[in-house]
Protein backbone atom coordinates (compact mmCIF):
# COMPACT_ATOMS: atom_id res chain seq x y z
CA UNK A 1 0.00 0.00 0.00
CA UNK A 2 1.36 3.40 -0.90
CA UNK A 3 2.05 6.22 1.53
CA UNK A 4 -0.75 8.44 0.21
CA UNK A 5 -3.40 5.77 0.84
CA UNK A 6 -2.04 5.12 4.34
CA UNK A 7 -2.26 8.87 5.06
CA UNK A 8 -5.86 8.95 3.81
CA UNK A 9 -6.91 6.05 6.01
CA UNK A 10 -5.20 7.40 9.10
CA UNK A 11 -6.64 10.88 8.58
CA UNK A 12 -10.13 9.42 8.16
CA UNK A 13 -9.82 7.89 11.64
CA UNK A 14 -7.65 10.63 13.20
CA UNK A 15 -10.39 11.71 15.61
CA UNK A 16 -10.13 8.31 17.31
CA UNK A 17 -6.37 8.56 17.92
CA UNK A 18 -4.04 10.87 19.83
CA UNK A 19 -2.88 13.55 17.34
CA UNK A 20 0.83 13.02 18.04
CA UNK A 21 0.62 9.31 17.16
CA UNK A 22 -0.39 9.59 13.50
CA UNK A 23 3.16 9.84 12.13
CA UNK A 24 4.49 6.91 14.16
CA UNK A 25 1.48 4.80 13.14
CA UNK A 26 2.10 5.63 9.48
CA UNK A 27 5.72 4.54 9.81
CA UNK A 28 4.71 1.32 11.58
CA UNK A 29 2.14 0.43 8.89
CA UNK A 30 4.65 1.12 6.11
CA UNK A 31 7.30 -0.97 7.90
CA UNK A 32 4.89 -3.89 8.28
CA UNK A 33 3.79 -3.55 4.64
CA UNK A 34 0.22 -4.07 5.73
CA UNK A 35 -2.46 -4.48 3.10
CA UNK A 36 -5.28 -1.95 2.91
CA UNK A 37 -8.06 -4.32 3.94
CA UNK A 38 -6.27 -5.42 7.13
CA UNK A 39 -5.56 -1.83 8.09
CA UNK A 40 -9.16 -0.80 7.47
CA UNK A 41 -10.42 -3.67 9.65
CA UNK A 42 -8.12 -2.59 12.48
CA UNK A 43 -9.15 1.04 12.19
CA UNK A 44 -12.86 0.19 12.10
CA UNK A 45 -12.56 -1.66 15.43
CA UNK A 46 -11.51 1.47 17.28
CA UNK A 47 -13.84 2.93 19.89
CA UNK A 48 -15.40 6.33 19.26
CA UNK A 49 -14.43 9.01 21.83
CA UNK A 50 -17.78 10.75 21.31
CA UNK A 51 -19.68 7.64 22.31
CA UNK A 52 -17.44 7.21 25.34
CA UNK A 53 -18.19 10.76 26.56
CA UNK A 54 -21.92 10.22 26.08
CA UNK A 55 -21.71 6.95 28.02
CA UNK A 56 -19.65 8.67 30.70
CA UNK A 57 -22.22 11.41 31.19
CA UNK A 58 -25.25 9.10 31.15
CA UNK A 59 -24.06 5.91 32.88
CA UNK A 60 -20.52 6.67 33.96
CA UNK A 61 -21.32 6.20 37.64
CA UNK A 62 -21.65 2.46 37.04
CA UNK A 63 -18.52 2.23 34.86
CA UNK A 64 -20.11 1.57 31.47
CA UNK A 65 -17.78 4.09 29.84
CA UNK A 66 -14.71 2.20 31.09
CA UNK A 67 -16.14 -1.15 30.08
CA UNK A 68 -16.77 0.29 26.61
CA UNK A 69 -13.13 1.25 26.05
CA UNK A 70 -11.83 -2.00 27.52
CA UNK A 71 -10.72 -0.85 30.99
CA UNK A 72 -12.52 -3.65 32.78
CA UNK A 73 -10.71 -3.17 36.10
CA UNK A 74 -11.56 0.52 36.27
CA UNK A 75 -15.11 -0.25 35.17
CA UNK A 76 -15.53 -2.68 38.05
CA UNK A 77 -14.04 -0.11 40.42
CA UNK A 78 -16.52 2.53 39.29
CA UNK A 79 -19.37 0.03 39.48
CA UNK A 80 -18.58 -0.99 43.06
CA UNK A 81 -18.03 2.56 44.32
CA UNK A 82 -20.81 4.31 42.42
CA UNK A 83 -18.31 6.25 40.35
CA UNK A 84 -16.19 6.98 43.44
CA UNK A 85 -19.25 8.55 45.09
CA UNK A 86 -19.59 10.79 42.04
CA UNK A 87 -16.07 12.24 42.19
CA UNK A 88 -14.48 9.67 39.88
CA UNK A 89 -17.45 9.99 37.52
CA UNK A 90 -17.03 13.77 37.34
CA UNK A 91 -13.29 13.54 36.68
CA UNK A 92 -13.82 10.85 34.04
CA UNK A 93 -16.14 13.13 32.09
CA UNK A 94 -13.08 15.27 31.35
CA UNK A 95 -10.62 12.40 30.85
CA UNK A 96 -12.57 9.68 29.03
CA UNK A 97 -12.11 10.99 25.48
CA UNK A 98 -8.32 11.06 25.80
CA UNK A 99 -8.40 7.67 27.53
CA UNK A 100 -10.39 6.27 24.60
CA UNK A 101 -7.90 7.62 22.07
CA UNK A 102 -4.99 6.24 24.08
CA UNK A 103 -6.65 2.82 24.35
CA UNK A 104 -7.23 2.82 20.57
CA UNK A 105 -3.55 3.59 20.03
CA UNK A 106 -2.48 0.80 22.39
CA UNK A 107 -4.70 -1.67 20.56
CA UNK A 108 -3.34 -0.64 17.15
CA UNK A 109 0.27 -0.79 18.31
CA UNK A 110 -0.34 -4.25 19.75
CA UNK A 111 -1.66 -5.48 16.39
CA UNK A 112 1.11 -3.75 14.45
CA UNK A 113 3.94 -5.12 16.64
């Protein structure tokens, strides 16, 4: 796959990744010589930060937002403590979008290793 097509795919999904990671991801994909279909499948599996913030606002006190992004341990912690008596829930409203992007990056890097 050529560099231009890799750039197009990564830019199409850039809102689901940390902005500083795009260049390193591009280099990793080019190094692995990944085909377009495999890359698209990986990118389509990423979690949407907008959905995670909506889940955090609506049902974040029971940890659904953390379960959604794959942080099962933190989800259980929020579930058992009622979102840390509301404090953890409130903090997570501001942090969950970045946490989702970081989790997406970790998942991609794991598959591209």
